[in-house]
Amino acid sequence: TTDTSDAVLEHIRLAMLSAIEVHCDTQDIAVYKPIRYARDL
């Protein structure tokens, strides 16, 4: 269902973006942008 899959997608996306912010010295755009704009799981 759209609501469930959208919530899961956003939860995982935020976890991945958070990992970049916490563990990478600089915000690696080559990794950050594709994660930020991914359309599905």
All heavy atoms as atom14 arrays in JSON, in Angstrom:
{
  "sequence": "TTDTSDAVLEHIRLAMLSAIEVHCDTQDIAVYKPIRYARDL",
  "atom14_mask": [
    [1, 1, 1, 1, 1, 1, 1, 0, 0, 0, 0, 0, 0, 0],
    [1, 1, 1, 1, 1, 1, 1, 0, 0, 0, 0, 0, 0, 0],
    [1, 1, 1, 1, 1, 1, 1, 1, 0, 0, 0, 0, 0, 0],
    [1, 1, 1, 1, 1, 1, 1, 0, 0, 0, 0, 0, 0, 0],
    [1, 1, 1, 1, 1, 1, 0, 0, 0, 0, 0, 0, 0, 0],
    [1, 1, 1, 1, 1, 1, 1, 1, 0, 0, 0, 0, 0, 0],
    [1, 1, 1, 1, 1, 0, 0, 0, 0, 0, 0, 0, 0, 0],
    [1, 1, 1, 1, 1, 1, 1, 0, 0, 0, 0, 0, 0, 0],
    [1, 1, 1, 1, 1, 1, 1, 1, 0, 0, 0, 0, 0, 0],
    [1, 1, 1, 1, 1, 1, 1, 1, 1, 0, 0, 0, 0, 0],
    [1, 1, 1, 1, 1, 1, 1, 1, 1, 1, 0, 0, 0, 0],
    [1, 1, 1, 1, 1, 1, 1, 1, 0, 0, 0, 0, 0, 0],
    [1, 1, 1, 1, 1, 1, 1, 1, 1, 1, 1, 0, 0, 0],
    [1, 1, 1, 1, 1, 1, 1, 1, 0, 0, 0, 0, 0, 0],
    [1, 1, 1, 1, 1, 0, 0, 0, 0, 0, 0, 0, 0, 0],
    [1, 1, 1, 1, 1, 1, 1, 1, 0, 0, 0, 0, 0, 0],
    [1, 1, 1, 1, 1, 1, 1, 1, 0, 0, 0, 0, 0, 0],
    [1, 1, 1, 1, 1, 1, 0, 0, 0, 0, 0, 0, 0, 0],
    [1, 1, 1, 1, 1, 0, 0, 0, 0, 0, 0, 0, 0, 0],
    [1, 1, 1, 1, 1, 1, 1, 1, 0, 0, 0, 0, 0, 0],
    [1, 1, 1, 1, 1, 1, 1, 1, 1, 0, 0, 0, 0, 0],
    [1, 1, 1, 1, 1, 1, 1, 0, 0, 0, 0, 0, 0, 0],
    [1, 1, 1, 1, 1, 1, 1, 1, 1, 1, 0, 0, 0, 0],
    [1, 1, 1, 1, 1, 1, 0, 0, 0, 0, 0, 0, 0, 0],
    [1, 1, 1, 1, 1, 1, 1, 1, 0, 0, 0, 0, 0, 0],
    [1, 1, 1, 1, 1, 1, 1, 0, 0, 0, 0, 0, 0, 0],
    [1, 1, 1, 1, 1, 1, 1, 1, 1, 0, 0, 0, 0, 0],
    [1, 1, 1, 1, 1, 1, 1, 1, 0, 0, 0, 0, 0, 0],
    [1, 1, 1, 1, 1, 1, 1, 1, 0, 0, 0, 0, 0, 0],
    [1, 1, 1, 1, 1, 0, 0, 0, 0, 0, 0, 0, 0, 0],
    [1, 1, 1, 1, 1, 1, 1, 0, 0, 0, 0, 0, 0, 0],
    [1, 1, 1, 1, 1, 1, 1, 1, 1, 1, 1, 1, 0, 0],
    [1, 1, 1, 1, 1, 1, 1, 1, 1, 0, 0, 0, 0, 0],
    [1, 1, 1, 1, 1, 1, 1, 0, 0, 0, 0, 0, 0, 0],
    [1, 1, 1, 1, 1, 1, 1, 1, 0, 0, 0, 0, 0, 0],
    [1, 1, 1, 1, 1, 1, 1, 1, 1, 1, 1, 0, 0, 0],
    [1, 1, 1, 1, 1, 1, 1, 1, 1, 1, 1, 1, 0, 0],
    [1, 1, 1, 1, 1, 0, 0, 0, 0, 0, 0, 0, 0, 0],
    [1, 1, 1, 1, 1, 1, 1, 1, 1, 1, 1, 0, 0, 0],
    [1, 1, 1, 1, 1, 1, 1, 1, 0, 0, 0, 0, 0, 0],
    [1, 1, 1, 1, 1, 1, 1, 1, 0, 0, 0, 0, 0, 0]
  ],
  "atom14_positions": [
    [[0.85, -1.17, 0.0], [0.0, 0.0, 0.0], [0.89, 1.23, 0.0], [1.98, 1.23, 0.56], [-0.93, 0.01, 1.23], [-0.12, 0.08, 2.4], [-1.82, -1.2, 1.26], [0.0, 0.0, 0.0], [0.0, 0.0, 0.0], [0.0, 0.0, 0.0], [0.0, 0.0, 0.0], [0.0, 0.0, 0.0], [0.0, 0.0, 0.0], [0.0, 0.0, 0.0]],
    [[0.43, 2.27, -0.64], [1.24, 3.47, -0.83], [1.69, 4.07, 0.49], [2.84, 4.43, 0.65], [0.45, 4.5, -1.65], [0.04, 3.89, -2.86], [1.29, 5.71, -1.96], [0.0, 0.0, 0.0], [0.0, 0.0, 0.0], [0.0, 0.0, 0.0], [0.0, 0.0, 0.0], [0.0, 0.0, 0.0], [0.0, 0.0, 0.0], [0.0, 0.0, 0.0]],
    [[0.8, 4.17, 1.45], [1.16, 4.78, 2.73], [2.27, 4.01, 3.43], [3.23, 4.61, 3.9], [-0.07, 4.86, 3.66], [-1.11, 5.83, 3.13], [-0.76, 6.72, 2.32], [-2.27, 5.72, 3.54], [0.0, 0.0, 0.0], [0.0, 0.0, 0.0], [0.0, 0.0, 0.0], [0.0, 0.0, 0.0], [0.0, 0.0, 0.0], [0.0, 0.0, 0.0]],
    [[2.14, 2.71, 3.5], [3.13, 1.88, 4.18], [4.46, 1.93, 3.46], [5.5, 2.14, 4.08], [2.64, 0.42, 4.27], [1.39, 0.41, 4.95], [3.63, -0.43, 5.01], [0.0, 0.0, 0.0], [0.0, 0.0, 0.0], [0.0, 0.0, 0.0], [0.0, 0.0, 0.0], [0.0, 0.0, 0.0], [0.0, 0.0, 0.0], [0.0, 0.0, 0.0]],
    [[4.45, 1.74, 2.15], [5.71, 1.72, 1.41], [6.38, 3.09, 1.42], [7.61, 3.17, 1.49], [5.51, 1.21, -0.02], [4.61, 2.03, -0.72], [0.0, 0.0, 0.0], [0.0, 0.0, 0.0], [0.0, 0.0, 0.0], [0.0, 0.0, 0.0], [0.0, 0.0, 0.0], [0.0, 0.0, 0.0], [0.0, 0.0, 0.0], [0.0, 0.0, 0.0]],
    [[5.61, 4.16, 1.37], [6.2, 5.49, 1.44], [6.85, 5.74, 2.8], [7.93, 6.32, 2.88], [5.15, 6.58, 1.18], [4.77, 6.67, -0.29], [5.47, 6.08, -1.14], [3.76, 7.34, -0.59], [0.0, 0.0, 0.0], [0.0, 0.0, 0.0], [0.0, 0.0, 0.0], [0.0, 0.0, 0.0], [0.0, 0.0, 0.0], [0.0, 0.0, 0.0]],
    [[6.2, 5.29, 3.86], [6.76, 5.46, 5.21], [8.06, 4.67, 5.36], [9.03, 5.18, 5.92], [5.74, 5.05, 6.26], [0.0, 0.0, 0.0], [0.0, 0.0, 0.0], [0.0, 0.0, 0.0], [0.0, 0.0, 0.0], [0.0, 0.0, 0.0], [0.0, 0.0, 0.0], [0.0, 0.0, 0.0], [0.0, 0.0, 0.0], [0.0, 0.0, 0.0]],
    [[8.08, 3.45, 4.86], [9.29, 2.61, 4.93], [10.39, 3.23, 4.1], [11.55, 3.32, 4.53], [8.98, 1.17, 4.47], [10.25, 0.36, 4.29], [8.03, 0.49, 5.43], [0.0, 0.0, 0.0], [0.0, 0.0, 0.0], [0.0, 0.0, 0.0], [0.0, 0.0, 0.0], [0.0, 0.0, 0.0], [0.0, 0.0, 0.0], [0.0, 0.0, 0.0]],
    [[10.06, 3.67, 2.9], [11.03, 4.31, 2.01], [11.67, 5.52, 2.7], [12.9, 5.64, 2.73], [10.37, 4.74, 0.71], [11.24, 5.48, -0.3], [12.29, 4.55, -0.88], [10.37, 6.06, -1.41], [0.0, 0.0, 0.0], [0.0, 0.0, 0.0], [0.0, 0.0, 0.0], [0.0, 0.0, 0.0], [0.0, 0.0, 0.0], [0.0, 0.0, 0.0]],
    [[10.87, 6.37, 3.3], [11.39, 7.56, 3.97], [12.22, 7.22, 5.2], [13.24, 7.84, 5.46], [10.26, 8.52, 4.33], [9.71, 9.27, 3.14], [10.79, 9.96, 2.31], [11.62, 10.7, 2.87], [10.82, 9.75, 1.08], [0.0, 0.0, 0.0], [0.0, 0.0, 0.0], [0.0, 0.0, 0.0], [0.0, 0.0, 0.0], [0.0, 0.0, 0.0]],
    [[11.78, 6.21, 5.94], [12.53, 5.79, 7.13], [13.92, 5.3, 6.75], [14.92, 5.7, 7.36], [11.75, 4.7, 7.88], [12.45, 4.17, 9.07], [12.63, 4.9, 10.22], [13.04, 2.96, 9.28], [13.3, 4.17, 11.09], [13.56, 2.99, 10.55], [0.0, 0.0, 0.0], [0.0, 0.0, 0.0], [0.0, 0.0, 0.0], [0.0, 0.0, 0.0]],
    [[14.01, 4.46, 5.73], [15.3, 3.93, 5.3], [16.14, 5.03, 4.67], [17.35, 5.13, 4.93], [15.1, 2.74, 4.34], [14.44, 1.57, 5.09], [16.43, 2.31, 3.73], [14.02, 0.42, 4.22], [0.0, 0.0, 0.0], [0.0, 0.0, 0.0], [0.0, 0.0, 0.0], [0.0, 0.0, 0.0], [0.0, 0.0, 0.0], [0.0, 0.0, 0.0]],
    [[15.52, 5.89, 3.87], [16.24, 7.0, 3.26], [16.88, 7.88, 4.34], [18.06, 8.22, 4.26], [15.3, 7.84, 2.4], [15.99, 9.01, 1.73], [15.04, 10.04, 1.12], [13.82, 9.55, 0.57], [13.67, 9.1, -0.68], [14.7, 9.08, -1.5], [12.49, 8.69, -1.1], [0.0, 0.0, 0.0], [0.0, 0.0, 0.0], [0.0, 0.0, 0.0]],
    [[16.1, 8.24, 5.36], [16.63, 9.08, 6.43], [17.75, 8.4, 7.2], [18.72, 9.05, 7.6], [15.51, 9.51, 7.37], [14.5, 10.5, 6.77], [13.36, 10.77, 7.74], [15.18, 11.78, 6.35], [0.0, 0.0, 0.0], [0.0, 0.0, 0.0], [0.0, 0.0, 0.0], [0.0, 0.0, 0.0], [0.0, 0.0, 0.0], [0.0, 0.0, 0.0]],
    [[17.65, 7.09, 7.38], [18.71, 6.35, 8.06], [20.0, 6.38, 7.24], [21.1, 6.57, 7.78], [18.29, 4.91, 8.31], [0.0, 0.0, 0.0], [0.0, 0.0, 0.0], [0.0, 0.0, 0.0], [0.0, 0.0, 0.0], [0.0, 0.0, 0.0], [0.0, 0.0, 0.0], [0.0, 0.0, 0.0], [0.0, 0.0, 0.0], [0.0, 0.0, 0.0]],
    [[19.88, 6.23, 5.93], [21.06, 6.25, 5.06], [21.67, 7.65, 5.0], [22.9, 7.8, 5.07], [20.69, 5.74, 3.66], [20.31, 4.27, 3.65], [19.71, 3.68, 2.04], [21.29, 3.34, 1.24], [0.0, 0.0, 0.0], [0.0, 0.0, 0.0], [0.0, 0.0, 0.0], [0.0, 0.0, 0.0], [0.0, 0.0, 0.0], [0.0, 0.0, 0.0]],
    [[20.84, 8.67, 4.9], [21.35, 10.05, 4.87], [21.99, 10.42, 6.2], [23.02, 11.1, 6.23], [20.23, 11.02, 4.51], [19.66, 10.89, 3.1], [18.47, 11.82, 2.92], [20.72, 11.15, 2.05], [0.0, 0.0, 0.0], [0.0, 0.0, 0.0], [0.0, 0.0, 0.0], [0.0, 0.0, 0.0], [0.0, 0.0, 0.0], [0.0, 0.0, 0.0]],
    [[21.41, 9.94, 7.28], [21.98, 10.18, 8.6], [23.35, 9.52, 8.72], [24.27, 10.1, 9.3], [21.03, 9.66, 9.68], [21.6, 9.8, 10.94], [0.0, 0.0, 0.0], [0.0, 0.0, 0.0], [0.0, 0.0, 0.0], [0.0, 0.0, 0.0], [0.0, 0.0, 0.0], [0.0, 0.0, 0.0], [0.0, 0.0, 0.0], [0.0, 0.0, 0.0]],
    [[23.48, 8.33, 8.17], [24.77, 7.63, 8.2], [25.84, 8.44, 7.47], [26.99, 8.51, 7.91], [24.63, 6.24, 7.59], [0.0, 0.0, 0.0], [0.0, 0.0, 0.0], [0.0, 0.0, 0.0], [0.0, 0.0, 0.0], [0.0, 0.0, 0.0], [0.0, 0.0, 0.0], [0.0, 0.0, 0.0], [0.0, 0.0, 0.0], [0.0, 0.0, 0.0]],
    [[25.46, 9.07, 6.37], [26.41, 9.91, 5.64], [26.83, 11.09, 6.5], [28.02, 11.41, 6.62], [25.8, 10.41, 4.31], [25.61, 9.24, 3.34], [26.69, 11.48, 3.68], [24.81, 9.59, 2.1], [0.0, 0.0, 0.0], [0.0, 0.0, 0.0], [0.0, 0.0, 0.0], [0.0, 0.0, 0.0], [0.0, 0.0, 0.0], [0.0, 0.0, 0.0]],
    [[25.85, 11.74, 7.12], [26.14, 12.93, 7.94], [27.01, 12.59, 9.14], [27.9, 13.34, 9.51], [24.84, 13.58, 8.38], [24.08, 14.21, 7.23], [22.71, 14.71, 7.63], [22.39, 14.71, 8.83], [21.94, 15.08, 6.73], [0.0, 0.0, 0.0], [0.0, 0.0, 0.0], [0.0, 0.0, 0.0], [0.0, 0.0, 0.0], [0.0, 0.0, 0.0]],
    [[26.75, 11.44, 9.76], [27.48, 11.06, 10.97], [28.87, 10.51, 10.66], [29.83, 10.82, 11.36], [26.66, 10.02, 11.78], [27.48, 9.43, 12.91], [25.39, 10.66, 12.31], [0.0, 0.0, 0.0], [0.0, 0.0, 0.0], [0.0, 0.0, 0.0], [0.0, 0.0, 0.0], [0.0, 0.0, 0.0], [0.0, 0.0, 0.0], [0.0, 0.0, 0.0]],
    [[28.99, 9.7, 9.61], [30.22, 8.95, 9.4], [31.12, 9.46, 8.28], [32.24, 8.98, 8.15], [29.88, 7.47, 9.15], [29.21, 6.82, 10.31], [29.87, 6.53, 11.48], [27.93, 6.43, 10.49], [29.02, 5.97, 12.33], [27.84, 5.91, 11.75], [0.0, 0.0, 0.0], [0.0, 0.0, 0.0], [0.0, 0.0, 0.0], [0.0, 0.0, 0.0]],
    [[30.64, 10.38, 7.48], [31.48, 10.88, 6.39], [31.98, 12.27, 6.73], [31.25, 13.09, 7.28], [30.7, 10.9, 5.08], [30.28, 9.25, 4.49], [0.0, 0.0, 0.0], [0.0, 0.0, 0.0], [0.0, 0.0, 0.0], [0.0, 0.0, 0.0], [0.0, 0.0, 0.0], [0.0, 0.0, 0.0], [0.0, 0.0, 0.0], [0.0, 0.0, 0.0]],
    [[33.25, 12.54, 6.4], [33.85, 13.83, 6.71], [33.17, 14.96, 5.96], [32.96, 16.04, 6.49], [35.34, 13.81, 6.39], [36.09, 12.84, 7.3], [35.67, 12.67, 8.46], [37.09, 12.27, 6.84], [0.0, 0.0, 0.0], [0.0, 0.0, 0.0], [0.0, 0.0, 0.0], [0.0, 0.0, 0.0], [0.0, 0.0, 0.0], [0.0, 0.0, 0.0]],
    [[32.85, 14.73, 4.73], [32.13, 15.71, 3.92], [30.9, 15.03, 3.35], [30.83, 13.81, 3.26], [32.99, 16.24, 2.77], [33.35, 15.15, 1.93], [34.23, 16.94, 3.28], [0.0, 0.0, 0.0], [0.0, 0.0, 0.0], [0.0, 0.0, 0.0], [0.0, 0.0, 0.0], [0.0, 0.0, 0.0], [0.0, 0.0, 0.0], [0.0, 0.0, 0.0]],
    [[29.93, 15.84, 2.98], [28.73, 15.26, 2.4], [29.04, 14.84, 0.97], [29.19, 15.67, 0.08], [27.6, 16.29, 2.43], [26.26, 15.71, 2.13], [25.18, 16.76, 2.23], [25.33, 17.86, 1.73], [24.1, 16.41, 2.87], [0.0, 0.0, 0.0], [0.0, 0.0, 0.0], [0.0, 0.0, 0.0], [0.0, 0.0, 0.0], [0.0, 0.0, 0.0]],
    [[29.2, 13.55, 0.77], [29.56, 13.0, -0.52], [28.35, 13.07, -1.46], [27.44, 12.27, -1.37], [30.04, 11.55, -0.34], [30.64, 10.97, -1.59], [30.49, 11.56, -2.68], [31.28, 9.91, -1.48], [0.0, 0.0, 0.0], [0.0, 0.0, 0.0], [0.0, 0.0, 0.0], [0.0, 0.0, 0.0], [0.0, 0.0, 0.0], [0.0, 0.0, 0.0]],
    [[28.37, 14.06, -2.36], [27.24, 14.3, -3.26], [26.97, 13.09, -4.16], [25.83, 12.79, -4.46], [27.49, 15.56, -4.11], [27.36, 16.8, -3.23], [26.58, 15.66, -5.31], [25.98, 17.02, -2.65], [0.0, 0.0, 0.0], [0.0, 0.0, 0.0], [0.0, 0.0, 0.0], [0.0, 0.0, 0.0], [0.0, 0.0, 0.0], [0.0, 0.0, 0.0]],
    [[28.02, 12.39, -4.57], [27.85, 11.22, -5.43], [27.02, 10.14, -4.76], [26.35, 9.36, -5.42], [29.2, 10.66, -5.85], [0.0, 0.0, 0.0], [0.0, 0.0, 0.0], [0.0, 0.0, 0.0], [0.0, 0.0, 0.0], [0.0, 0.0, 0.0], [0.0, 0.0, 0.0], [0.0, 0.0, 0.0], [0.0, 0.0, 0.0], [0.0, 0.0, 0.0]],
    [[27.03, 10.1, -3.45], [26.24, 9.13, -2.7], [24.95, 9.77, -2.19], [23.89, 9.17, -2.23], [27.05, 8.55, -1.52], [26.22, 7.6, -0.69], [28.3, 7.86, -2.03], [0.0, 0.0, 0.0], [0.0, 0.0, 0.0], [0.0, 0.0, 0.0], [0.0, 0.0, 0.0], [0.0, 0.0, 0.0], [0.0, 0.0, 0.0], [0.0, 0.0, 0.0]],
    [[25.06, 11.0, -1.72], [23.93, 11.68, -1.1], [22.75, 11.88, -2.05], [21.63, 11.55, -1.72], [24.4, 13.04, -0.55], [23.33, 13.77, 0.22], [23.16, 13.56, 1.58], [22.49, 14.69, -0.4], [22.18, 14.22, 2.3], [21.51, 15.36, 0.3], [21.36, 15.12, 1.65], [20.39, 15.78, 2.35], [0.0, 0.0, 0.0], [0.0, 0.0, 0.0]],
    [[23.02, 12.42, -3.23], [21.93, 12.75, -4.16], [21.13, 11.53, -4.61], [19.9, 11.57, -4.59], [22.48, 13.52, -5.36], [22.77, 14.98, -5.04], [23.28, 15.73, -6.24], [22.13, 16.06, -7.16], [22.55, 16.91, -8.28], [0.0, 0.0, 0.0], [0.0, 0.0, 0.0], [0.0, 0.0, 0.0], [0.0, 0.0, 0.0], [0.0, 0.0, 0.0]],
    [[21.76, 10.43, -5.02], [20.95, 9.28, -5.43], [20.09, 8.71, -4.29], [18.98, 8.24, -4.53], [21.97, 8.25, -5.91], [23.18, 9.03, -6.23], [23.18, 10.2, -5.3], [0.0, 0.0, 0.0], [0.0, 0.0, 0.0], [0.0, 0.0, 0.0], [0.0, 0.0, 0.0], [0.0, 0.0, 0.0], [0.0, 0.0, 0.0], [0.0, 0.0, 0.0]],
    [[20.61, 8.76, -3.07], [19.82, 8.3, -1.93], [18.66, 9.26, -1.69], [17.52, 8.85, -1.5], [20.69, 8.15, -0.67], [21.68, 6.99, -0.85], [19.82, 7.94, 0.57], [22.72, 6.88, 0.24], [0.0, 0.0, 0.0], [0.0, 0.0, 0.0], [0.0, 0.0, 0.0], [0.0, 0.0, 0.0], [0.0, 0.0, 0.0], [0.0, 0.0, 0.0]],
    [[18.94, 10.53, -1.71], [17.93, 11.56, -1.45], [16.79, 11.49, -2.44], [15.63, 11.69, -2.1], [18.59, 12.95, -1.51], [17.64, 14.1, -1.36], [17.1, 14.18, 0.06], [16.14, 15.25, 0.18], [14.82, 15.09, 0.16], [14.31, 13.9, 0.03], [14.02, 16.11, 0.28], [0.0, 0.0, 0.0], [0.0, 0.0, 0.0], [0.0, 0.0, 0.0]],
    [[17.07, 11.2, -3.7], [16.05, 11.22, -4.74], [15.61, 9.84, -5.23], [14.93, 9.73, -6.25], [16.51, 12.09, -5.91], [16.72, 13.52, -5.47], [18.0, 14.06, -5.35], [15.64, 14.32, -5.13], [18.19, 15.36, -4.92], [15.81, 15.62, -4.69], [17.09, 16.14, -4.58], [17.27, 17.42, -4.14], [0.0, 0.0, 0.0], [0.0, 0.0, 0.0]],
    [[15.97, 8.79, -4.5], [15.55, 7.43, -4.88], [14.04, 7.32, -4.86], [13.39, 7.82, -3.95], [16.17, 6.41, -3.93], [0.0, 0.0, 0.0], [0.0, 0.0, 0.0], [0.0, 0.0, 0.0], [0.0, 0.0, 0.0], [0.0, 0.0, 0.0], [0.0, 0.0, 0.0], [0.0, 0.0, 0.0], [0.0, 0.0, 0.0], [0.0, 0.0, 0.0]],
    [[13.48, 6.66, -5.84], [12.03, 6.56, -5.97], [11.43, 5.33, -5.3], [10.24, 5.27, -5.06], [11.63, 6.55, -7.43], [11.91, 7.86, -8.1], [11.44, 7.84, -9.52], [11.63, 9.16, -10.1], [10.93, 9.6, -11.11], [10.02, 8.85, -11.66], [11.16, 10.8, -11.57], [0.0, 0.0, 0.0], [0.0, 0.0, 0.0], [0.0, 0.0, 0.0]],
    [[12.27, 4.33, -5.04], [11.72, 3.11, -4.44], [12.78, 2.41, -3.59], [13.94, 2.81, -3.56], [11.15, 2.17, -5.5], [12.16, 1.77, -6.56], [13.37, 1.77, -6.28], [11.74, 1.46, -7.68], [0.0, 0.0, 0.0], [0.0, 0.0, 0.0], [0.0, 0.0, 0.0], [0.0, 0.0, 0.0], [0.0, 0.0, 0.0], [0.0, 0.0, 0.0]],
    [[12.34, 1.36, -2.9], [13.24, 0.62, -2.01], [14.37, -0.06, -2.77], [15.49, -0.15, -2.27], [12.46, -0.42, -1.21], [11.59, 0.12, -0.09], [10.79, -1.01, 0.55], [12.43, 0.83, 0.95], [0.0, 0.0, 0.0], [0.0, 0.0, 0.0], [0.0, 0.0, 0.0], [0.0, 0.0, 0.0], [0.0, 0.0, 0.0], [0.0, 0.0, 0.0]]
  ]
}
